[in-house]
All heavy atoms as atom14 arrays in JSON, in Angstrom:
{
  "sequence": "EDVLPQVKEMQASGYRLVYLTADEDPSKAVAFAGF",
  "atom14_mask": [
    [1, 1, 1, 1, 1, 1, 1, 1, 1, 0, 0, 0, 0, 0],
    [1, 1, 1, 1, 1, 1, 1, 1, 0, 0, 0, 0, 0, 0],
    [1, 1, 1, 1, 1, 1, 1, 0, 0, 0, 0, 0, 0, 0],
    [1, 1, 1, 1, 1, 1, 1, 1, 0, 0, 0, 0, 0, 0],
    [1, 1, 1, 1, 1, 1, 1, 0, 0, 0, 0, 0, 0, 0],
    [1, 1, 1, 1, 1, 1, 1, 1, 1, 0, 0, 0, 0, 0],
    [1, 1, 1, 1, 1, 1, 1, 0, 0, 0, 0, 0, 0, 0],
    [1, 1, 1, 1, 1, 1, 1, 1, 1, 0, 0, 0, 0, 0],
    [1, 1, 1, 1, 1, 1, 1, 1, 1, 0, 0, 0, 0, 0],
    [1, 1, 1, 1, 1, 1, 1, 1, 0, 0, 0, 0, 0, 0],
    [1, 1, 1, 1, 1, 1, 1, 1, 1, 0, 0, 0, 0, 0],
    [1, 1, 1, 1, 1, 0, 0, 0, 0, 0, 0, 0, 0, 0],
    [1, 1, 1, 1, 1, 1, 0, 0, 0, 0, 0, 0, 0, 0],
    [1, 1, 1, 1, 0, 0, 0, 0, 0, 0, 0, 0, 0, 0],
    [1, 1, 1, 1, 1, 1, 1, 1, 1, 1, 1, 1, 0, 0],
    [1, 1, 1, 1, 1, 1, 1, 1, 1, 1, 1, 0, 0, 0],
    [1, 1, 1, 1, 1, 1, 1, 1, 0, 0, 0, 0, 0, 0],
    [1, 1, 1, 1, 1, 1, 1, 0, 0, 0, 0, 0, 0, 0],
    [1, 1, 1, 1, 1, 1, 1, 1, 1, 1, 1, 1, 0, 0],
    [1, 1, 1, 1, 1, 1, 1, 1, 0, 0, 0, 0, 0, 0],
    [1, 1, 1, 1, 1, 1, 1, 0, 0, 0, 0, 0, 0, 0],
    [1, 1, 1, 1, 1, 0, 0, 0, 0, 0, 0, 0, 0, 0],
    [1, 1, 1, 1, 1, 1, 1, 1, 0, 0, 0, 0, 0, 0],
    [1, 1, 1, 1, 1, 1, 1, 1, 1, 0, 0, 0, 0, 0],
    [1, 1, 1, 1, 1, 1, 1, 1, 0, 0, 0, 0, 0, 0],
    [1, 1, 1, 1, 1, 1, 1, 0, 0, 0, 0, 0, 0, 0],
    [1, 1, 1, 1, 1, 1, 0, 0, 0, 0, 0, 0, 0, 0],
    [1, 1, 1, 1, 1, 1, 1, 1, 1, 0, 0, 0, 0, 0],
    [1, 1, 1, 1, 1, 0, 0, 0, 0, 0, 0, 0, 0, 0],
    [1, 1, 1, 1, 1, 1, 1, 0, 0, 0, 0, 0, 0, 0],
    [1, 1, 1, 1, 1, 0, 0, 0, 0, 0, 0, 0, 0, 0],
    [1, 1, 1, 1, 1, 1, 1, 1, 1, 1, 1, 0, 0, 0],
    [1, 1, 1, 1, 1, 0, 0, 0, 0, 0, 0, 0, 0, 0],
    [1, 1, 1, 1, 0, 0, 0, 0, 0, 0, 0, 0, 0, 0],
    [1, 1, 1, 1, 1, 1, 1, 1, 1, 1, 1, 0, 0, 0]
  ],
  "atom14_positions": [
    [[8.34, 13.64, 15.37], [8.53, 14.68, 14.36], [8.91, 14.11, 12.99], [8.88, 14.83, 11.98], [9.57, 15.72, 14.82], [10.95, 15.17, 15.06], [11.21, 14.68, 16.49], [10.25, 14.42, 17.24], [12.4, 14.56, 16.84], [0.0, 0.0, 0.0], [0.0, 0.0, 0.0], [0.0, 0.0, 0.0], [0.0, 0.0, 0.0], [0.0, 0.0, 0.0]],
    [[9.26, 12.83, 12.94], [9.63, 12.2, 11.67], [8.47, 11.48, 11.0], [8.59, 11.06, 9.85], [10.79, 11.22, 11.88], [12.08, 11.92, 12.26], [12.23, 13.13, 11.94], [12.95, 11.28, 12.88], [0.0, 0.0, 0.0], [0.0, 0.0, 0.0], [0.0, 0.0, 0.0], [0.0, 0.0, 0.0], [0.0, 0.0, 0.0], [0.0, 0.0, 0.0]],
    [[7.35, 11.31, 11.72], [6.23, 10.56, 11.15], [5.72, 11.22, 9.88], [5.61, 10.58, 8.83], [5.08, 10.4, 12.18], [3.81, 9.87, 11.52], [5.52, 9.48, 13.31], [0.0, 0.0, 0.0], [0.0, 0.0, 0.0], [0.0, 0.0, 0.0], [0.0, 0.0, 0.0], [0.0, 0.0, 0.0], [0.0, 0.0, 0.0], [0.0, 0.0, 0.0]],
    [[5.39, 12.5, 9.94], [4.82, 13.19, 8.77], [5.76, 13.15, 7.57], [5.34, 12.72, 6.49], [4.43, 14.62, 9.13], [3.82, 15.43, 7.98], [2.51, 14.8, 7.49], [3.6, 16.87, 8.42], [0.0, 0.0, 0.0], [0.0, 0.0, 0.0], [0.0, 0.0, 0.0], [0.0, 0.0, 0.0], [0.0, 0.0, 0.0], [0.0, 0.0, 0.0]],
    [[7.02, 13.58, 7.68], [7.86, 13.56, 6.48], [8.1, 12.14, 5.95], [8.14, 11.94, 4.73], [9.16, 14.22, 6.92], [9.12, 14.31, 8.39], [7.7, 14.22, 8.82], [0.0, 0.0, 0.0], [0.0, 0.0, 0.0], [0.0, 0.0, 0.0], [0.0, 0.0, 0.0], [0.0, 0.0, 0.0], [0.0, 0.0, 0.0], [0.0, 0.0, 0.0]],
    [[8.21, 11.16, 6.83], [8.45, 9.81, 6.35], [7.22, 9.25, 5.63], [7.34, 8.66, 4.56], [8.86, 8.87, 7.49], [9.24, 7.5, 6.98], [9.94, 6.65, 8.0], [10.42, 7.13, 9.02], [10.03, 5.36, 7.71], [0.0, 0.0, 0.0], [0.0, 0.0, 0.0], [0.0, 0.0, 0.0], [0.0, 0.0, 0.0], [0.0, 0.0, 0.0]],
    [[6.04, 9.46, 6.2], [4.82, 8.98, 5.54], [4.63, 9.67, 4.2], [4.31, 9.03, 3.2], [3.58, 9.14, 6.45], [2.29, 8.92, 5.68], [3.66, 8.2, 7.65], [0.0, 0.0, 0.0], [0.0, 0.0, 0.0], [0.0, 0.0, 0.0], [0.0, 0.0, 0.0], [0.0, 0.0, 0.0], [0.0, 0.0, 0.0], [0.0, 0.0, 0.0]],
    [[4.83, 10.98, 4.14], [4.66, 11.71, 2.88], [5.64, 11.21, 1.82], [5.28, 11.07, 0.65], [4.77, 13.21, 3.12], [3.57, 13.75, 3.9], [3.57, 15.24, 4.0], [3.12, 15.92, 2.77], [1.71, 15.82, 2.41], [0.0, 0.0, 0.0], [0.0, 0.0, 0.0], [0.0, 0.0, 0.0], [0.0, 0.0, 0.0], [0.0, 0.0, 0.0]],
    [[6.86, 10.94, 2.22], [7.84, 10.4, 1.27], [7.4, 9.03, 0.76], [7.49, 8.73, -0.44], [9.21, 10.29, 1.94], [10.3, 9.76, 1.03], [11.66, 9.69, 1.7], [11.86, 10.28, 2.78], [12.54, 9.02, 1.13], [0.0, 0.0, 0.0], [0.0, 0.0, 0.0], [0.0, 0.0, 0.0], [0.0, 0.0, 0.0], [0.0, 0.0, 0.0]],
    [[6.9, 8.2, 1.65], [6.42, 6.87, 1.26], [5.18, 6.98, 0.37], [5.03, 6.23, -0.59], [6.13, 6.03, 2.51], [7.4, 5.67, 3.28], [7.07, 5.02, 4.94], [6.08, 3.59, 4.57], [0.0, 0.0, 0.0], [0.0, 0.0, 0.0], [0.0, 0.0, 0.0], [0.0, 0.0, 0.0], [0.0, 0.0, 0.0], [0.0, 0.0, 0.0]],
    [[4.29, 7.93, 0.67], [3.09, 8.11, -0.15], [3.46, 8.52, -1.57], [2.77, 8.15, -2.52], [2.16, 9.15, 0.49], [1.41, 8.61, 1.69], [0.55, 9.66, 2.37], [0.89, 10.85, 2.41], [-0.57, 9.22, 2.94], [0.0, 0.0, 0.0], [0.0, 0.0, 0.0], [0.0, 0.0, 0.0], [0.0, 0.0, 0.0], [0.0, 0.0, 0.0]],
    [[4.55, 9.24, -1.72], [4.99, 9.65, -3.06], [5.37, 8.44, -3.92], [5.36, 8.53, -5.15], [6.17, 10.62, -2.95], [0.0, 0.0, 0.0], [0.0, 0.0, 0.0], [0.0, 0.0, 0.0], [0.0, 0.0, 0.0], [0.0, 0.0, 0.0], [0.0, 0.0, 0.0], [0.0, 0.0, 0.0], [0.0, 0.0, 0.0], [0.0, 0.0, 0.0]],
    [[5.65, 7.31, -3.27], [5.98, 6.11, -4.04], [4.91, 5.01, -3.9], [5.19, 3.83, -4.09], [7.36, 5.57, -3.63], [7.37, 5.2, -2.27], [0.0, 0.0, 0.0], [0.0, 0.0, 0.0], [0.0, 0.0, 0.0], [0.0, 0.0, 0.0], [0.0, 0.0, 0.0], [0.0, 0.0, 0.0], [0.0, 0.0, 0.0], [0.0, 0.0, 0.0]],
    [[3.68, 5.43, -3.56], [2.56, 4.5, -3.61], [2.01, 3.98, -2.3], [1.03, 3.25, -2.3], [0.0, 0.0, 0.0], [0.0, 0.0, 0.0], [0.0, 0.0, 0.0], [0.0, 0.0, 0.0], [0.0, 0.0, 0.0], [0.0, 0.0, 0.0], [0.0, 0.0, 0.0], [0.0, 0.0, 0.0], [0.0, 0.0, 0.0], [0.0, 0.0, 0.0]],
    [[2.62, 4.34, -1.19], [2.12, 3.91, 0.13], [0.79, 4.59, 0.42], [0.63, 5.79, 0.17], [3.15, 4.29, 1.19], [2.85, 3.91, 2.61], [3.11, 2.63, 3.08], [2.37, 4.84, 3.52], [2.89, 2.28, 4.4], [2.13, 4.5, 4.84], [2.4, 3.23, 5.28], [2.17, 2.89, 6.6], [0.0, 0.0, 0.0], [0.0, 0.0, 0.0]],
    [[-0.17, 3.83, 0.91], [-1.47, 4.39, 1.28], [-1.7, 4.15, 2.76], [-1.41, 3.06, 3.27], [-2.59, 3.74, 0.46], [-2.49, 4.1, -1.01], [-3.61, 3.5, -1.81], [-3.18, 2.19, -2.34], [-3.96, 1.39, -3.04], [-5.22, 1.7, -3.29], [-3.49, 0.25, -3.5], [0.0, 0.0, 0.0], [0.0, 0.0, 0.0], [0.0, 0.0, 0.0]],
    [[-2.22, 5.14, 3.44], [-2.45, 5.06, 4.88], [-3.94, 5.26, 5.14], [-4.53, 6.25, 4.7], [-1.64, 6.16, 5.59], [-1.7, 6.22, 7.1], [-1.09, 4.99, 7.73], [-0.96, 7.46, 7.59], [0.0, 0.0, 0.0], [0.0, 0.0, 0.0], [0.0, 0.0, 0.0], [0.0, 0.0, 0.0], [0.0, 0.0, 0.0], [0.0, 0.0, 0.0]],
    [[-4.54, 4.29, 5.84], [-5.95, 4.39, 6.24], [-6.02, 4.22, 7.75], [-5.13, 3.63, 8.37], [-6.83, 3.33, 5.51], [-6.91, 3.61, 4.02], [-6.34, 1.92, 5.78], [0.0, 0.0, 0.0], [0.0, 0.0, 0.0], [0.0, 0.0, 0.0], [0.0, 0.0, 0.0], [0.0, 0.0, 0.0], [0.0, 0.0, 0.0], [0.0, 0.0, 0.0]],
    [[-7.09, 4.76, 8.33], [-7.19, 4.68, 9.78], [-8.65, 4.71, 10.23], [-9.55, 5.03, 9.46], [-6.4, 5.8, 10.44], [-6.93, 7.2, 10.21], [-7.64, 7.86, 11.22], [-6.73, 7.88, 9.01], [-8.12, 9.15, 11.02], [-7.2, 9.15, 8.81], [-7.9, 9.79, 9.82], [-8.39, 11.06, 9.63], [0.0, 0.0, 0.0], [0.0, 0.0, 0.0]],
    [[-8.82, 4.36, 11.49], [-10.13, 4.42, 12.14], [-10.0, 5.24, 13.4], [-8.95, 5.23, 14.06], [-10.61, 3.01, 12.5], [-11.01, 2.12, 11.34], [-11.08, 0.67, 11.77], [-12.34, 2.57, 10.75], [0.0, 0.0, 0.0], [0.0, 0.0, 0.0], [0.0, 0.0, 0.0], [0.0, 0.0, 0.0], [0.0, 0.0, 0.0], [0.0, 0.0, 0.0]],
    [[-11.08, 5.92, 13.75], [-11.09, 6.7, 14.98], [-11.9, 5.96, 16.05], [-12.67, 5.06, 15.75], [-11.68, 8.1, 14.74], [-13.01, 7.97, 14.25], [-10.83, 8.89, 13.75], [0.0, 0.0, 0.0], [0.0, 0.0, 0.0], [0.0, 0.0, 0.0], [0.0, 0.0, 0.0], [0.0, 0.0, 0.0], [0.0, 0.0, 0.0], [0.0, 0.0, 0.0]],
    [[-11.72, 6.39, 17.28], [-12.43, 5.79, 18.41], [-13.92, 6.02, 18.28], [-14.35, 7.1, 17.85], [-11.92, 6.39, 19.73], [0.0, 0.0, 0.0], [0.0, 0.0, 0.0], [0.0, 0.0, 0.0], [0.0, 0.0, 0.0], [0.0, 0.0, 0.0], [0.0, 0.0, 0.0], [0.0, 0.0, 0.0], [0.0, 0.0, 0.0], [0.0, 0.0, 0.0]],
    [[-14.7, 5.02, 18.64], [-16.16, 5.16, 18.58], [-16.63, 6.35, 19.41], [-17.52, 7.08, 19.01], [-16.84, 3.88, 19.1], [-16.59, 2.69, 18.18], [-16.3, 2.88, 16.98], [-16.69, 1.55, 18.68], [0.0, 0.0, 0.0], [0.0, 0.0, 0.0], [0.0, 0.0, 0.0], [0.0, 0.0, 0.0], [0.0, 0.0, 0.0], [0.0, 0.0, 0.0]],
    [[-16.0, 6.54, 20.56], [-16.43, 7.59, 21.47], [-15.74, 8.94, 21.24], [-16.13, 9.94, 21.85], [-16.2, 7.14, 22.93], [-14.75, 7.13, 23.39], [-13.92, 5.93, 22.91], [-14.45, 5.05, 22.19], [-12.73, 5.89, 23.24], [0.0, 0.0, 0.0], [0.0, 0.0, 0.0], [0.0, 0.0, 0.0], [0.0, 0.0, 0.0], [0.0, 0.0, 0.0]],
    [[-14.72, 8.97, 20.37], [-13.98, 10.2, 20.13], [-13.47, 10.23, 18.69], [-12.39, 9.72, 18.4], [-12.81, 10.31, 21.11], [-12.01, 11.59, 20.94], [-12.34, 12.42, 20.05], [-11.03, 11.78, 21.7], [0.0, 0.0, 0.0], [0.0, 0.0, 0.0], [0.0, 0.0, 0.0], [0.0, 0.0, 0.0], [0.0, 0.0, 0.0], [0.0, 0.0, 0.0]],
    [[-14.24, 10.81, 17.77], [-13.84, 10.81, 16.36], [-12.59, 11.62, 16.04], [-12.13, 11.61, 14.9], [-15.07, 11.38, 15.64], [-15.84, 12.09, 16.68], [-15.52, 11.45, 18.0], [0.0, 0.0, 0.0], [0.0, 0.0, 0.0], [0.0, 0.0, 0.0], [0.0, 0.0, 0.0], [0.0, 0.0, 0.0], [0.0, 0.0, 0.0], [0.0, 0.0, 0.0]],
    [[-12.0, 12.26, 17.03], [-10.75, 12.98, 16.79], [-9.53, 12.12, 17.12], [-8.41, 12.53, 16.87], [-10.72, 14.27, 17.62], [-10.59, 13.97, 19.0], [0.0, 0.0, 0.0], [0.0, 0.0, 0.0], [0.0, 0.0, 0.0], [0.0, 0.0, 0.0], [0.0, 0.0, 0.0], [0.0, 0.0, 0.0], [0.0, 0.0, 0.0], [0.0, 0.0, 0.0]],
    [[-9.76, 10.93, 17.68], [-8.66, 10.08, 18.12], [-8.48, 8.87, 17.19], [-9.33, 7.99, 17.15], [-8.9, 9.58, 19.55], [-7.79, 8.73, 20.1], [-8.05, 8.34, 21.53], [-6.86, 7.55, 22.06], [-6.99, 7.28, 23.48], [0.0, 0.0, 0.0], [0.0, 0.0, 0.0], [0.0, 0.0, 0.0], [0.0, 0.0, 0.0], [0.0, 0.0, 0.0]],
    [[-7.37, 8.84, 16.46], [-7.06, 7.69, 15.61], [-6.61, 6.54, 16.51], [-5.71, 6.71, 17.33], [-5.96, 8.04, 14.62], [0.0, 0.0, 0.0], [0.0, 0.0, 0.0], [0.0, 0.0, 0.0], [0.0, 0.0, 0.0], [0.0, 0.0, 0.0], [0.0, 0.0, 0.0], [0.0, 0.0, 0.0], [0.0, 0.0, 0.0], [0.0, 0.0, 0.0]],
    [[-7.26, 5.39, 16.37], [-6.95, 4.25, 17.25], [-6.43, 3.02, 16.51], [-5.94, 2.09, 17.13], [-8.16, 3.86, 18.13], [-8.55, 5.03, 19.02], [-9.34, 3.41, 17.28], [0.0, 0.0, 0.0], [0.0, 0.0, 0.0], [0.0, 0.0, 0.0], [0.0, 0.0, 0.0], [0.0, 0.0, 0.0], [0.0, 0.0, 0.0], [0.0, 0.0, 0.0]],
    [[-6.55, 3.02, 15.19], [-6.04, 1.91, 14.4], [-5.64, 2.44, 13.03], [-6.26, 3.38, 12.52], [-7.1, 0.81, 14.25], [0.0, 0.0, 0.0], [0.0, 0.0, 0.0], [0.0, 0.0, 0.0], [0.0, 0.0, 0.0], [0.0, 0.0, 0.0], [0.0, 0.0, 0.0], [0.0, 0.0, 0.0], [0.0, 0.0, 0.0], [0.0, 0.0, 0.0]],
    [[-4.6, 1.85, 12.45], [-4.18, 2.29, 11.12], [-3.62, 1.1, 10.35], [-3.23, 0.09, 10.92], [-3.14, 3.4, 11.22], [-1.71, 2.93, 11.26], [-0.88, 3.06, 10.15], [-1.19, 2.34, 12.4], [0.44, 2.61, 10.18], [0.13, 1.89, 12.44], [0.94, 2.03, 11.33], [0.0, 0.0, 0.0], [0.0, 0.0, 0.0], [0.0, 0.0, 0.0]],
    [[-3.59, 1.27, 9.05], [-2.93, 0.31, 8.16], [-2.24, 1.09, 7.06], [-2.77, 2.09, 6.57], [-3.94, -0.67, 7.58], [0.0, 0.0, 0.0], [0.0, 0.0, 0.0], [0.0, 0.0, 0.0], [0.0, 0.0, 0.0], [0.0, 0.0, 0.0], [0.0, 0.0, 0.0], [0.0, 0.0, 0.0], [0.0, 0.0, 0.0], [0.0, 0.0, 0.0]],
    [[-1.09, 0.62, 6.7], [-0.35, 1.18, 5.57], [-0.08, 0.08, 4.58], [0.34, -1.02, 4.96], [0.0, 0.0, 0.0], [0.0, 0.0, 0.0], [0.0, 0.0, 0.0], [0.0, 0.0, 0.0], [0.0, 0.0, 0.0], [0.0, 0.0, 0.0], [0.0, 0.0, 0.0], [0.0, 0.0, 0.0], [0.0, 0.0, 0.0], [0.0, 0.0, 0.0]],
    [[-0.32, 0.34, 3.31], [-0.19, -0.7, 2.3], [0.17, -0.1, 0.96], [0.08, 1.11, 0.76], [-1.49, -1.52, 2.2], [-2.71, -0.7, 1.86], [-3.16, -0.63, 0.55], [-3.39, 0.01, 2.84], [-4.28, 0.13, 0.23], [-4.51, 0.77, 2.52], [-4.95, 0.83, 1.21], [0.0, 0.0, 0.0], [0.0, 0.0, 0.0], [0.0, 0.0, 0.0]]
  ]
}
């Protein structure tokens, strides 16, 4: 329950989050990077 508010707070100061979904299931995030 803390993921969304923490990521949004970090994004407000320049954090960017990118991700990839599973080849067989485009609704499933399987890898991410934050930078």
